[in-house]
């Protein structure tokens, strides 16, 4: 996982809000970048470090709702909405769409910093999960066609002899393929292999029981 400093993005069309939030965030030890509009933010390349977005609801042209939809694929960037109005329906709408929090202006510094700390921690965990999944996919991609077949049958609950019957190869050959497959997948046990298969969606979550 990268040791890059977390970045807090702020999108608000009020320059005084942007300046005050930038000072607050930097005093708390976070890097921050501010934007006056959604298009300005969208033009900024994505970061690979932990991050979050502090987003105003009311923005010119592309509003906060629209921007939330446009960055819905950025699961590693939690969104904290800020609004000049304590509008319950609006809060419900953005929270249902996946926002981490909804705060009313003027935002209390300590409450905002606490929400951002929670968001950054969530972002860090998501980035770690994504990195682990990428590594797992690379391991699976390194398997030969036969090793992938053996893995799928093994995690489905079949014994070596049954796998051999399915693939029309000897049990000894199955054991050889299974050994290489376990090594390439870096699986230390059948249980860990089943978990990997579940993460790769080769089998339903939960899969066969351990043995």
N, C-alpha and C. Protein backbone atom coordinates (compact mmCIF):
# COMPACT_ATOMS: atom_id res chain seq x y z
N UNK A 1 0.85 -1.19 0.00
CA UNK A 1 0.00 0.00 0.00
C UNK A 1 0.88 1.23 0.00
N UNK A 2 0.51 2.22 -0.76
CA UNK A 2 1.28 3.45 -0.85
C UNK A 2 1.27 4.21 0.47
N UNK A 3 2.43 4.86 0.76
CA UNK A 3 2.53 5.68 1.97
C UNK A 3 2.21 7.14 1.66
N UNK A 4 1.65 7.42 0.50
CA UNK A 4 1.32 8.78 0.10
C UNK A 4 0.35 9.40 1.10
N UNK A 5 0.52 10.70 1.33
CA UNK A 5 -0.35 11.40 2.27
C UNK A 5 -1.77 11.46 1.74
N UNK A 6 -2.74 11.34 2.64
CA UNK A 6 -4.14 11.44 2.22
C UNK A 6 -4.43 12.82 1.63
N UNK A 7 -5.36 12.84 0.69
CA UNK A 7 -5.77 14.10 0.07
C UNK A 7 -7.27 14.30 0.26
N UNK A 8 -7.65 15.49 0.70
CA UNK A 8 -9.06 15.84 0.85
C UNK A 8 -9.40 16.83 -0.24
N UNK A 9 -10.36 16.45 -1.07
CA UNK A 9 -10.81 17.33 -2.14
C UNK A 9 -12.05 18.10 -1.66
N UNK A 10 -12.10 19.37 -1.98
CA UNK A 10 -13.23 20.22 -1.61
C UNK A 10 -13.81 20.84 -2.88
N UNK A 11 -15.11 20.63 -3.11
CA UNK A 11 -15.77 21.26 -4.25
C UNK A 11 -16.88 22.15 -3.70
N UNK A 12 -16.68 23.46 -3.82
CA UNK A 12 -17.64 24.45 -3.31
C UNK A 12 -17.45 25.72 -4.11
N UNK A 13 -18.54 26.34 -4.54
CA UNK A 13 -18.42 27.54 -5.37
C UNK A 13 -18.18 28.80 -4.55
N UNK A 14 -18.19 28.70 -3.24
CA UNK A 14 -17.95 29.85 -2.36
C UNK A 14 -16.46 29.89 -2.01
N UNK A 15 -15.77 30.90 -2.50
CA UNK A 15 -14.32 30.97 -2.30
C UNK A 15 -13.93 31.07 -0.82
N UNK A 16 -14.76 31.75 -0.02
CA UNK A 16 -14.45 31.88 1.40
C UNK A 16 -14.52 30.51 2.10
N UNK A 17 -15.46 29.68 1.69
CA UNK A 17 -15.58 28.33 2.24
C UNK A 17 -14.37 27.50 1.83
N UNK A 18 -13.98 27.61 0.58
CA UNK A 18 -12.82 26.84 0.10
C UNK A 18 -11.57 27.23 0.86
N UNK A 19 -11.36 28.52 1.06
CA UNK A 19 -10.16 28.97 1.75
C UNK A 19 -10.14 28.53 3.21
N UNK A 20 -11.27 28.67 3.89
CA UNK A 20 -11.31 28.31 5.31
C UNK A 20 -11.14 26.80 5.49
N UNK A 21 -11.74 26.02 4.60
CA UNK A 21 -11.60 24.57 4.70
C UNK A 21 -10.18 24.13 4.38
N UNK A 22 -9.56 24.78 3.43
CA UNK A 22 -8.19 24.43 3.09
C UNK A 22 -7.26 24.68 4.27
N UNK A 23 -7.43 25.79 4.94
CA UNK A 23 -6.60 26.09 6.12
C UNK A 23 -6.84 25.07 7.23
N UNK A 24 -8.11 24.72 7.44
CA UNK A 24 -8.46 23.75 8.47
C UNK A 24 -7.84 22.38 8.17
N UNK A 25 -7.96 21.96 6.94
CA UNK A 25 -7.47 20.63 6.55
C UNK A 25 -5.96 20.54 6.62
N UNK A 26 -5.29 21.57 6.16
CA UNK A 26 -3.84 21.55 6.18
C UNK A 26 -3.31 21.64 7.61
N UNK A 27 -4.02 22.34 8.49
CA UNK A 27 -3.61 22.40 9.89
C UNK A 27 -3.78 21.05 10.57
N UNK A 28 -4.67 20.22 10.00
CA UNK A 28 -4.90 18.88 10.54
C UNK A 28 -3.93 17.86 9.95
N UNK A 29 -3.10 18.30 9.01
CA UNK A 29 -2.08 17.41 8.46
C UNK A 29 -2.44 16.71 7.17
N UNK A 30 -3.55 17.11 6.55
CA UNK A 30 -3.95 16.49 5.29
C UNK A 30 -3.64 17.40 4.11
N UNK A 31 -3.25 16.82 3.00
CA UNK A 31 -3.13 17.59 1.78
C UNK A 31 -4.55 17.91 1.31
N UNK A 32 -4.74 19.08 0.73
CA UNK A 32 -6.08 19.42 0.26
C UNK A 32 -6.01 20.12 -1.09
N UNK A 33 -7.05 19.92 -1.86
CA UNK A 33 -7.18 20.60 -3.15
C UNK A 33 -8.62 21.09 -3.25
N UNK A 34 -8.79 22.33 -3.68
CA UNK A 34 -10.14 22.90 -3.75
C UNK A 34 -10.52 23.22 -5.19
N UNK A 35 -11.82 23.13 -5.45
CA UNK A 35 -12.36 23.35 -6.79
C UNK A 35 -13.66 24.14 -6.68
N UNK A 36 -13.86 25.05 -7.64
CA UNK A 36 -15.06 25.90 -7.62
C UNK A 36 -16.24 25.25 -8.30
N UNK A 37 -16.01 24.17 -9.03
CA UNK A 37 -17.10 23.53 -9.76
C UNK A 37 -16.81 22.05 -9.97
N UNK A 38 -17.85 21.32 -10.33
CA UNK A 38 -17.71 19.90 -10.60
C UNK A 38 -16.81 19.63 -11.81
N UNK A 39 -16.98 20.35 -12.93
CA UNK A 39 -16.10 20.12 -14.08
C UNK A 39 -14.63 20.31 -13.75
N UNK A 40 -14.31 21.30 -12.90
CA UNK A 40 -12.92 21.51 -12.50
C UNK A 40 -12.39 20.28 -11.79
N UNK A 41 -13.19 19.73 -10.89
CA UNK A 41 -12.77 18.55 -10.15
C UNK A 41 -12.62 17.34 -11.08
N UNK A 42 -13.56 17.15 -11.97
CA UNK A 42 -13.53 16.00 -12.86
C UNK A 42 -12.33 16.04 -13.81
N UNK A 43 -11.81 17.23 -14.06
CA UNK A 43 -10.64 17.37 -14.94
C UNK A 43 -9.36 16.94 -14.23
N UNK A 44 -9.43 16.80 -12.92
CA UNK A 44 -8.25 16.42 -12.14
C UNK A 44 -8.08 14.88 -12.19
N UNK A 45 -6.89 14.39 -12.56
CA UNK A 45 -6.67 12.94 -12.62
C UNK A 45 -6.92 12.29 -11.26
N UNK A 46 -7.37 11.05 -11.27
CA UNK A 46 -7.62 10.32 -10.03
C UNK A 46 -6.32 10.07 -9.29
N UNK A 47 -6.40 9.96 -7.97
CA UNK A 47 -5.23 9.69 -7.15
C UNK A 47 -5.25 8.24 -6.69
N UNK A 48 -4.08 7.70 -6.37
CA UNK A 48 -4.00 6.32 -5.87
C UNK A 48 -3.77 6.29 -4.37
N UNK A 49 -3.84 7.46 -3.74
CA UNK A 49 -3.66 7.56 -2.29
C UNK A 49 -5.03 7.67 -1.62
N UNK A 50 -5.08 7.45 -0.30
CA UNK A 50 -6.35 7.62 0.41
C UNK A 50 -6.88 9.03 0.19
N UNK A 51 -8.19 9.14 0.02
CA UNK A 51 -8.77 10.46 -0.26
C UNK A 51 -10.25 10.48 0.12
N UNK A 52 -10.80 11.68 0.15
CA UNK A 52 -12.24 11.83 0.32
C UNK A 52 -12.65 13.14 -0.34
N UNK A 53 -13.94 13.29 -0.55
CA UNK A 53 -14.47 14.48 -1.22
C UNK A 53 -15.46 15.18 -0.32
N UNK A 54 -15.17 16.46 -0.02
CA UNK A 54 -16.12 17.30 0.72
C UNK A 54 -16.85 18.11 -0.34
N UNK A 55 -18.14 17.85 -0.46
CA UNK A 55 -18.90 18.33 -1.62
C UNK A 55 -20.12 19.15 -1.23
N UNK A 56 -20.23 20.35 -1.82
CA UNK A 56 -21.41 21.19 -1.61
C UNK A 56 -22.56 20.64 -2.46
N UNK A 57 -23.77 20.74 -1.95
CA UNK A 57 -24.94 20.26 -2.69
C UNK A 57 -25.23 21.16 -3.88
N UNK A 58 -25.24 22.48 -3.62
CA UNK A 58 -25.60 23.45 -4.67
C UNK A 58 -24.35 23.96 -5.36
N UNK A 59 -24.23 23.63 -6.66
CA UNK A 59 -23.10 24.06 -7.47
C UNK A 59 -23.62 24.54 -8.83
N UNK A 60 -22.88 25.41 -9.49
CA UNK A 60 -23.31 25.88 -10.82
C UNK A 60 -23.19 24.78 -11.86
N UNK A 61 -24.13 24.74 -12.78
CA UNK A 61 -24.13 23.78 -13.90
C UNK A 61 -24.31 22.34 -13.44
N UNK A 62 -23.24 21.71 -12.97
CA UNK A 62 -23.32 20.33 -12.48
C UNK A 62 -23.40 20.37 -10.95
N UNK A 63 -24.55 19.99 -10.38
CA UNK A 63 -24.70 20.10 -8.93
C UNK A 63 -24.08 18.91 -8.19
N UNK A 64 -24.17 18.97 -6.88
CA UNK A 64 -23.56 17.92 -6.06
C UNK A 64 -24.13 16.54 -6.31
N UNK A 65 -25.44 16.46 -6.54
CA UNK A 65 -26.08 15.18 -6.83
C UNK A 65 -25.48 14.56 -8.09
N UNK A 66 -25.36 15.40 -9.12
CA UNK A 66 -24.84 14.91 -10.40
C UNK A 66 -23.39 14.45 -10.27
N UNK A 67 -22.60 15.21 -9.53
CA UNK A 67 -21.20 14.84 -9.36
C UNK A 67 -21.08 13.53 -8.59
N UNK A 68 -21.94 13.35 -7.59
CA UNK A 68 -21.93 12.10 -6.83
C UNK A 68 -22.16 10.91 -7.76
N UNK A 69 -23.07 11.08 -8.71
CA UNK A 69 -23.36 10.02 -9.68
C UNK A 69 -22.17 9.79 -10.61
N UNK A 70 -21.54 10.88 -11.04
CA UNK A 70 -20.42 10.78 -11.98
C UNK A 70 -19.19 10.10 -11.39
N UNK A 71 -19.05 10.16 -10.06
CA UNK A 71 -17.88 9.53 -9.42
C UNK A 71 -18.29 8.30 -8.61
N UNK A 72 -19.44 7.74 -8.94
CA UNK A 72 -19.94 6.58 -8.19
C UNK A 72 -19.00 5.38 -8.26
N UNK A 73 -18.17 5.32 -9.31
CA UNK A 73 -17.24 4.20 -9.44
C UNK A 73 -16.00 4.36 -8.57
N UNK A 74 -15.85 5.51 -7.93
CA UNK A 74 -14.67 5.74 -7.08
C UNK A 74 -14.99 5.33 -5.64
N UNK A 75 -15.08 4.05 -5.43
CA UNK A 75 -15.44 3.54 -4.10
C UNK A 75 -14.36 3.83 -3.05
N UNK A 76 -13.16 4.17 -3.51
CA UNK A 76 -12.07 4.48 -2.59
C UNK A 76 -12.06 5.97 -2.22
N UNK A 77 -13.09 6.73 -2.63
CA UNK A 77 -13.16 8.16 -2.31
C UNK A 77 -14.53 8.47 -1.69
N UNK A 78 -14.67 8.26 -0.38
CA UNK A 78 -15.94 8.56 0.29
C UNK A 78 -16.30 10.04 0.14
N UNK A 79 -17.62 10.30 0.12
CA UNK A 79 -18.10 11.67 -0.05
C UNK A 79 -18.79 12.17 1.22
N UNK A 80 -18.41 13.37 1.63
CA UNK A 80 -19.07 14.06 2.74
C UNK A 80 -19.74 15.28 2.15
N UNK A 81 -21.07 15.33 2.23
CA UNK A 81 -21.80 16.47 1.70
C UNK A 81 -21.89 17.58 2.74
N UNK A 82 -21.81 18.83 2.27
CA UNK A 82 -22.05 19.97 3.14
C UNK A 82 -23.12 20.82 2.45
N UNK A 83 -24.02 21.38 3.24
CA UNK A 83 -25.13 22.15 2.66
C UNK A 83 -25.49 23.33 3.53
N UNK A 84 -25.97 24.39 2.90
CA UNK A 84 -26.40 25.57 3.64
C UNK A 84 -27.77 25.39 4.24
N UNK A 85 -28.42 24.27 3.94
CA UNK A 85 -29.76 24.01 4.46
C UNK A 85 -29.85 22.59 5.01
N UNK A 86 -30.45 22.47 6.19
CA UNK A 86 -30.63 21.16 6.79
C UNK A 86 -31.84 20.45 6.22
N UNK A 87 -31.79 20.15 4.93
CA UNK A 87 -32.91 19.56 4.21
C UNK A 87 -32.88 18.04 4.36
N UNK A 88 -33.83 17.50 5.13
CA UNK A 88 -33.85 16.06 5.40
C UNK A 88 -33.98 15.23 4.14
N UNK A 89 -34.93 15.54 3.22
CA UNK A 89 -35.04 14.74 1.99
C UNK A 89 -33.73 14.72 1.19
N UNK A 90 -33.03 15.87 1.16
CA UNK A 90 -31.76 15.93 0.43
C UNK A 90 -30.74 15.02 1.12
N UNK A 91 -30.69 15.09 2.44
CA UNK A 91 -29.75 14.27 3.19
C UNK A 91 -30.02 12.78 2.96
N UNK A 92 -31.30 12.42 2.98
CA UNK A 92 -31.68 11.02 2.75
C UNK A 92 -31.27 10.58 1.35
N UNK A 93 -31.48 11.46 0.39
CA UNK A 93 -31.15 11.14 -1.01
C UNK A 93 -29.67 10.85 -1.20
N UNK A 94 -28.80 11.72 -0.68
CA UNK A 94 -27.37 11.53 -0.89
C UNK A 94 -26.83 10.36 -0.08
N UNK A 95 -27.40 10.13 1.11
CA UNK A 95 -26.94 9.01 1.93
C UNK A 95 -27.33 7.68 1.28
N UNK A 96 -28.54 7.63 0.71
CA UNK A 96 -28.97 6.42 0.01
C UNK A 96 -28.09 6.15 -1.21
N UNK A 97 -27.56 7.22 -1.79
CA UNK A 97 -26.70 7.08 -2.97
C UNK A 97 -25.26 6.75 -2.60
N UNK A 98 -25.00 6.63 -1.29
CA UNK A 98 -23.68 6.19 -0.86
C UNK A 98 -22.80 7.19 -0.14
N UNK A 99 -23.30 8.42 0.10
CA UNK A 99 -22.49 9.41 0.82
C UNK A 99 -22.19 8.92 2.23
N UNK A 100 -21.02 9.29 2.74
CA UNK A 100 -20.63 8.87 4.08
C UNK A 100 -21.29 9.72 5.15
N UNK A 101 -21.48 11.02 4.85
CA UNK A 101 -22.06 11.92 5.85
C UNK A 101 -22.69 13.12 5.16
N UNK A 102 -23.56 13.83 5.92
CA UNK A 102 -24.22 15.04 5.43
C UNK A 102 -24.17 16.06 6.56
N UNK A 103 -23.45 17.16 6.34
CA UNK A 103 -23.27 18.18 7.38
C UNK A 103 -23.85 19.51 6.91
N UNK A 104 -24.37 20.27 7.86
CA UNK A 104 -24.99 21.56 7.55
C UNK A 104 -24.02 22.71 7.83
N UNK A 105 -23.96 23.66 6.91
CA UNK A 105 -23.14 24.86 7.09
C UNK A 105 -23.81 25.79 8.09
N UNK A 106 -23.05 26.57 8.88
CA UNK A 106 -21.59 26.48 8.98
C UNK A 106 -21.18 25.20 9.71
N UNK A 107 -20.26 24.48 9.13
CA UNK A 107 -19.86 23.18 9.66
C UNK A 107 -18.95 23.38 10.87
N UNK A 108 -19.23 22.65 11.93
CA UNK A 108 -18.38 22.68 13.13
C UNK A 108 -17.08 21.95 12.80
N UNK A 109 -15.95 22.63 13.04
CA UNK A 109 -14.65 22.09 12.64
C UNK A 109 -14.42 20.67 13.15
N UNK A 110 -14.62 20.45 14.43
CA UNK A 110 -14.34 19.14 15.02
C UNK A 110 -15.20 18.03 14.41
N UNK A 111 -16.45 18.36 14.11
CA UNK A 111 -17.35 17.36 13.51
C UNK A 111 -16.89 17.03 12.09
N UNK A 112 -16.49 18.05 11.34
CA UNK A 112 -16.01 17.82 9.98
C UNK A 112 -14.72 17.00 9.99
N UNK A 113 -13.80 17.36 10.88
CA UNK A 113 -12.53 16.64 10.94
C UNK A 113 -12.73 15.18 11.33
N UNK A 114 -13.69 14.93 12.22
CA UNK A 114 -14.00 13.56 12.62
C UNK A 114 -14.56 12.78 11.44
N UNK A 115 -15.45 13.42 10.67
CA UNK A 115 -16.04 12.77 9.49
C UNK A 115 -14.96 12.48 8.44
N UNK A 116 -14.04 13.41 8.27
CA UNK A 116 -12.96 13.22 7.30
C UNK A 116 -12.03 12.10 7.73
N UNK A 117 -11.72 12.04 9.03
CA UNK A 117 -10.87 10.95 9.54
C UNK A 117 -11.52 9.61 9.24
N UNK A 118 -12.81 9.51 9.46
CA UNK A 118 -13.55 8.27 9.17
C UNK A 118 -13.49 7.95 7.68
N UNK A 119 -13.65 8.98 6.84
CA UNK A 119 -13.62 8.79 5.39
C UNK A 119 -12.25 8.34 4.91
N UNK A 120 -11.20 8.95 5.44
CA UNK A 120 -9.84 8.59 5.04
C UNK A 120 -9.53 7.15 5.45
N UNK A 121 -9.94 6.77 6.65
CA UNK A 121 -9.73 5.38 7.10
C UNK A 121 -10.45 4.40 6.17
N UNK A 122 -11.67 4.74 5.77
CA UNK A 122 -12.45 3.89 4.87
C UNK A 122 -11.77 3.79 3.51
N UNK A 123 -11.26 4.92 3.03
CA UNK A 123 -10.56 4.96 1.76
C UNK A 123 -9.32 4.06 1.79
N UNK A 124 -8.59 4.14 2.89
CA UNK A 124 -7.37 3.32 3.06
C UNK A 124 -7.72 1.85 2.99
N UNK A 125 -8.76 1.45 3.69
CA UNK A 125 -9.17 0.03 3.71
C UNK A 125 -9.60 -0.42 2.31
N UNK A 126 -10.33 0.44 1.60
CA UNK A 126 -10.80 0.09 0.26
C UNK A 126 -9.63 -0.08 -0.71
N UNK A 127 -8.65 0.81 -0.62
CA UNK A 127 -7.47 0.72 -1.48
C UNK A 127 -6.69 -0.56 -1.20
N UNK A 128 -6.59 -0.93 0.07
CA UNK A 128 -5.89 -2.17 0.44
C UNK A 128 -6.63 -3.38 -0.10
N UNK A 129 -7.96 -3.35 0.00
CA UNK A 129 -8.77 -4.46 -0.51
C UNK A 129 -8.60 -4.59 -2.02
N UNK A 130 -8.61 -3.46 -2.72
CA UNK A 130 -8.47 -3.48 -4.17
C UNK A 130 -7.09 -3.99 -4.58
N UNK A 131 -6.05 -3.61 -3.82
CA UNK A 131 -4.69 -4.06 -4.11
C UNK A 131 -4.58 -5.57 -3.91
N UNK A 132 -5.19 -6.08 -2.85
CA UNK A 132 -5.18 -7.52 -2.59
C UNK A 132 -5.89 -8.28 -3.69
N UNK A 133 -7.01 -7.74 -4.18
CA UNK A 133 -7.77 -8.41 -5.23
C UNK A 133 -6.99 -8.41 -6.55
N UNK A 134 -6.30 -7.31 -6.83
CA UNK A 134 -5.47 -7.27 -8.05
C UNK A 134 -4.38 -8.33 -8.00
N UNK A 135 -3.74 -8.46 -6.83
CA UNK A 135 -2.69 -9.46 -6.67
C UNK A 135 -3.25 -10.87 -6.83
N UNK A 136 -4.44 -11.09 -6.29
CA UNK A 136 -5.09 -12.39 -6.38
C UNK A 136 -5.43 -12.73 -7.84
N UNK A 137 -5.91 -11.74 -8.57
CA UNK A 137 -6.24 -11.95 -9.99
C UNK A 137 -4.99 -12.27 -10.80
N UNK A 138 -3.87 -11.64 -10.44
CA UNK A 138 -2.61 -11.92 -11.13
C UNK A 138 -2.17 -13.35 -10.87
N UNK A 139 -2.34 -13.81 -9.64
CA UNK A 139 -1.98 -15.20 -9.31
C UNK A 139 -2.84 -16.16 -10.12
N UNK A 140 -4.14 -15.89 -10.18
CA UNK A 140 -5.05 -16.76 -10.92
C UNK A 140 -4.73 -16.75 -12.42
N UNK A 141 -4.36 -15.60 -12.93
CA UNK A 141 -4.02 -15.48 -14.35
C UNK A 141 -2.75 -16.27 -14.69
N UNK A 142 -1.90 -16.50 -13.68
CA UNK A 142 -0.65 -17.23 -13.92
C UNK A 142 -0.87 -18.74 -14.02
N UNK A 143 -2.06 -19.21 -13.66
CA UNK A 143 -2.35 -20.64 -13.73
C UNK A 143 -2.52 -21.09 -15.18
N UNK A 144 -2.14 -22.34 -15.44
CA UNK A 144 -2.39 -22.91 -16.75
C UNK A 144 -3.88 -23.24 -16.86
N UNK A 145 -4.33 -23.54 -18.07
CA UNK A 145 -5.75 -23.88 -18.25
C UNK A 145 -6.14 -25.07 -17.38
N UNK A 146 -5.29 -26.09 -17.35
CA UNK A 146 -5.60 -27.28 -16.56
C UNK A 146 -5.62 -26.98 -15.07
N UNK A 147 -4.69 -26.14 -14.62
CA UNK A 147 -4.64 -25.77 -13.20
C UNK A 147 -5.90 -25.01 -12.80
N UNK A 148 -6.41 -24.17 -13.70
CA UNK A 148 -7.66 -23.45 -13.42
C UNK A 148 -8.82 -24.42 -13.32
N UNK A 149 -8.83 -25.43 -14.18
CA UNK A 149 -9.89 -26.44 -14.14
C UNK A 149 -9.85 -27.21 -12.83
N UNK A 150 -8.64 -27.58 -12.42
CA UNK A 150 -8.48 -28.33 -11.16
C UNK A 150 -8.92 -27.47 -9.98
N UNK A 151 -8.52 -26.20 -10.00
CA UNK A 151 -8.90 -25.30 -8.90
C UNK A 151 -10.41 -25.20 -8.78
N UNK A 152 -11.08 -25.01 -9.90
CA UNK A 152 -12.53 -24.84 -9.88
C UNK A 152 -13.23 -26.08 -9.34
N UNK A 153 -12.76 -27.25 -9.73
CA UNK A 153 -13.38 -28.49 -9.27
C UNK A 153 -13.06 -28.76 -7.79
N UNK A 154 -11.84 -28.44 -7.39
CA UNK A 154 -11.43 -28.65 -5.99
C UNK A 154 -12.25 -27.78 -5.06
N UNK A 155 -12.38 -26.49 -5.39
CA UNK A 155 -13.13 -25.58 -4.51
C UNK A 155 -14.63 -25.85 -4.57
N UNK A 156 -15.06 -26.61 -5.58
CA UNK A 156 -16.47 -27.00 -5.65
C UNK A 156 -16.76 -28.16 -4.71
N UNK A 157 -15.70 -28.71 -4.11
CA UNK A 157 -15.89 -29.76 -3.12
C UNK A 157 -15.54 -31.16 -3.56
N UNK A 158 -14.99 -31.31 -4.77
CA UNK A 158 -14.64 -32.65 -5.26
C UNK A 158 -13.31 -33.12 -4.71
N UNK A 159 -13.21 -34.43 -4.44
CA UNK A 159 -11.96 -35.04 -4.01
C UNK A 159 -11.07 -35.22 -5.23
N UNK A 160 -9.77 -35.45 -4.98
CA UNK A 160 -8.83 -35.60 -6.09
C UNK A 160 -9.27 -36.68 -7.08
N UNK A 161 -9.74 -37.80 -6.56
CA UNK A 161 -10.17 -38.90 -7.42
C UNK A 161 -11.35 -38.47 -8.30
N UNK A 162 -12.27 -37.69 -7.71
CA UNK A 162 -13.43 -37.21 -8.46
C UNK A 162 -13.02 -36.18 -9.52
N UNK A 163 -12.06 -35.33 -9.16
CA UNK A 163 -11.53 -34.35 -10.12
C UNK A 163 -10.92 -35.08 -11.31
N UNK A 164 -10.15 -36.14 -11.02
CA UNK A 164 -9.55 -36.93 -12.08
C UNK A 164 -10.59 -37.52 -13.00
N UNK A 165 -11.69 -37.99 -12.41
CA UNK A 165 -12.77 -38.56 -13.21
C UNK A 165 -13.41 -37.52 -14.11
N UNK A 166 -13.60 -36.31 -13.58
CA UNK A 166 -14.19 -35.23 -14.37
C UNK A 166 -13.30 -34.83 -15.53
N UNK A 167 -12.00 -34.78 -15.28
CA UNK A 167 -11.06 -34.31 -16.30
C UNK A 167 -10.43 -35.45 -17.11
N UNK A 168 -10.75 -36.69 -16.71
CA UNK A 168 -10.21 -37.88 -17.37
C UNK A 168 -8.69 -37.92 -17.31
N UNK A 169 -8.18 -37.66 -16.12
CA UNK A 169 -6.75 -37.77 -15.86
C UNK A 169 -6.58 -38.56 -14.57
N UNK A 170 -5.38 -39.03 -14.31
CA UNK A 170 -5.14 -39.85 -13.12
C UNK A 170 -5.15 -39.01 -11.85
N UNK A 171 -5.37 -39.68 -10.73
CA UNK A 171 -5.35 -38.98 -9.44
C UNK A 171 -3.97 -38.40 -9.16
N UNK A 172 -2.93 -39.11 -9.57
CA UNK A 172 -1.56 -38.62 -9.37
C UNK A 172 -1.35 -37.32 -10.15
N UNK A 173 -1.88 -37.28 -11.37
CA UNK A 173 -1.75 -36.06 -12.19
C UNK A 173 -2.53 -34.91 -11.55
N UNK A 174 -3.71 -35.24 -11.00
CA UNK A 174 -4.50 -34.21 -10.32
C UNK A 174 -3.71 -33.63 -9.15
N UNK A 175 -3.06 -34.52 -8.38
CA UNK A 175 -2.29 -34.05 -7.22
C UNK A 175 -1.15 -33.13 -7.66
N UNK A 176 -0.53 -33.45 -8.81
CA UNK A 176 0.58 -32.62 -9.31
C UNK A 176 0.06 -31.24 -9.71
N UNK A 177 -1.05 -31.23 -10.46
CA UNK A 177 -1.65 -29.95 -10.86
C UNK A 177 -2.11 -29.16 -9.64
N UNK A 178 -2.68 -29.86 -8.68
CA UNK A 178 -3.19 -29.20 -7.47
C UNK A 178 -2.05 -28.57 -6.69
N UNK A 179 -0.93 -29.29 -6.59
CA UNK A 179 0.22 -28.76 -5.86
C UNK A 179 0.76 -27.50 -6.49
N UNK A 180 0.90 -27.52 -7.82
CA UNK A 180 1.39 -26.32 -8.52
C UNK A 180 0.40 -25.18 -8.41
N UNK A 181 -0.87 -25.51 -8.51
CA UNK A 181 -1.92 -24.49 -8.41
C UNK A 181 -1.91 -23.82 -7.03
N UNK A 182 -1.80 -24.63 -5.99
CA UNK A 182 -1.77 -24.08 -4.62
C UNK A 182 -0.56 -23.16 -4.43
N UNK A 183 0.57 -23.59 -5.03
CA UNK A 183 1.80 -22.79 -4.91
C UNK A 183 1.65 -21.45 -5.63
N UNK A 184 1.13 -21.48 -6.85
CA UNK A 184 0.96 -20.25 -7.62
C UNK A 184 -0.07 -19.31 -6.98
N UNK A 185 -1.12 -19.89 -6.36
CA UNK A 185 -2.13 -19.08 -5.72
C UNK A 185 -1.69 -18.61 -4.33
N UNK A 186 -0.57 -19.15 -3.86
CA UNK A 186 -0.05 -18.83 -2.52
C UNK A 186 -1.08 -19.18 -1.45
N UNK A 187 -1.76 -20.31 -1.70
CA UNK A 187 -2.78 -20.78 -0.75
C UNK A 187 -2.13 -21.74 0.23
N UNK A 188 -2.33 -21.51 1.51
CA UNK A 188 -1.70 -22.34 2.54
C UNK A 188 -2.61 -23.48 3.00
N UNK A 189 -3.86 -23.46 2.58
CA UNK A 189 -4.80 -24.51 2.98
C UNK A 189 -5.98 -24.54 2.02
N UNK A 190 -6.78 -25.60 2.12
CA UNK A 190 -8.00 -25.68 1.31
C UNK A 190 -8.94 -24.53 1.64
N UNK A 191 -9.03 -24.22 2.93
CA UNK A 191 -9.92 -23.13 3.37
C UNK A 191 -9.51 -21.80 2.74
N UNK A 192 -8.20 -21.53 2.69
CA UNK A 192 -7.74 -20.26 2.11
C UNK A 192 -7.99 -20.25 0.60
N UNK A 193 -7.88 -21.41 -0.03
CA UNK A 193 -8.15 -21.49 -1.46
C UNK A 193 -9.62 -21.21 -1.77
N UNK A 194 -10.51 -21.75 -0.93
CA UNK A 194 -11.95 -21.50 -1.10
C UNK A 194 -12.24 -20.02 -0.93
N UNK A 195 -11.59 -19.39 0.04
CA UNK A 195 -11.79 -17.96 0.25
C UNK A 195 -11.34 -17.16 -0.98
N UNK A 196 -10.21 -17.57 -1.54
CA UNK A 196 -9.71 -16.89 -2.74
C UNK A 196 -10.69 -17.05 -3.90
N UNK A 197 -11.20 -18.28 -4.06
CA UNK A 197 -12.15 -18.54 -5.14
C UNK A 197 -13.41 -17.70 -4.98
N UNK A 198 -13.81 -17.50 -3.72
CA UNK A 198 -14.98 -16.68 -3.45
C UNK A 198 -14.71 -15.22 -3.80
N UNK A 199 -13.52 -14.73 -3.45
CA UNK A 199 -13.14 -13.35 -3.78
C UNK A 199 -13.08 -13.15 -5.29
N UNK A 200 -12.65 -14.19 -5.99
CA UNK A 200 -12.56 -14.11 -7.45
C UNK A 200 -13.91 -14.39 -8.13
N UNK A 201 -14.89 -14.72 -7.28
CA UNK A 201 -16.26 -15.03 -7.74
C UNK A 201 -16.29 -16.26 -8.65
N UNK A 202 -15.42 -17.20 -8.34
CA UNK A 202 -15.44 -18.47 -9.04
C UNK A 202 -16.52 -19.38 -8.45
N UNK A 203 -16.83 -19.12 -7.18
CA UNK A 203 -17.89 -19.84 -6.48
C UNK A 203 -18.67 -18.82 -5.68
N UNK A 204 -19.85 -19.22 -5.21
CA UNK A 204 -20.67 -18.33 -4.39
C UNK A 204 -19.98 -18.08 -3.07
N UNK A 205 -20.19 -16.88 -2.49
CA UNK A 205 -19.60 -16.54 -1.19
C UNK A 205 -20.00 -17.60 -0.18
N UNK A 206 -19.03 -18.04 0.61
CA UNK A 206 -19.32 -19.07 1.60
C UNK A 206 -18.82 -20.42 1.15
N UNK A 207 -19.07 -20.76 -0.14
CA UNK A 207 -18.53 -21.95 -0.76
C UNK A 207 -18.61 -23.21 0.06
N UNK A 208 -17.87 -24.25 -0.34
CA UNK A 208 -17.84 -25.50 0.40
C UNK A 208 -17.19 -25.29 1.76
N UNK A 209 -17.48 -26.12 2.68
CA UNK A 209 -16.89 -25.99 4.01
C UNK A 209 -15.45 -26.42 4.01
N UNK A 210 -14.70 -26.06 5.03
CA UNK A 210 -13.30 -26.45 5.13
C UNK A 210 -13.21 -27.92 5.44
N UNK A 211 -12.07 -28.50 5.16
CA UNK A 211 -11.87 -29.93 5.46
C UNK A 211 -10.41 -30.16 5.73
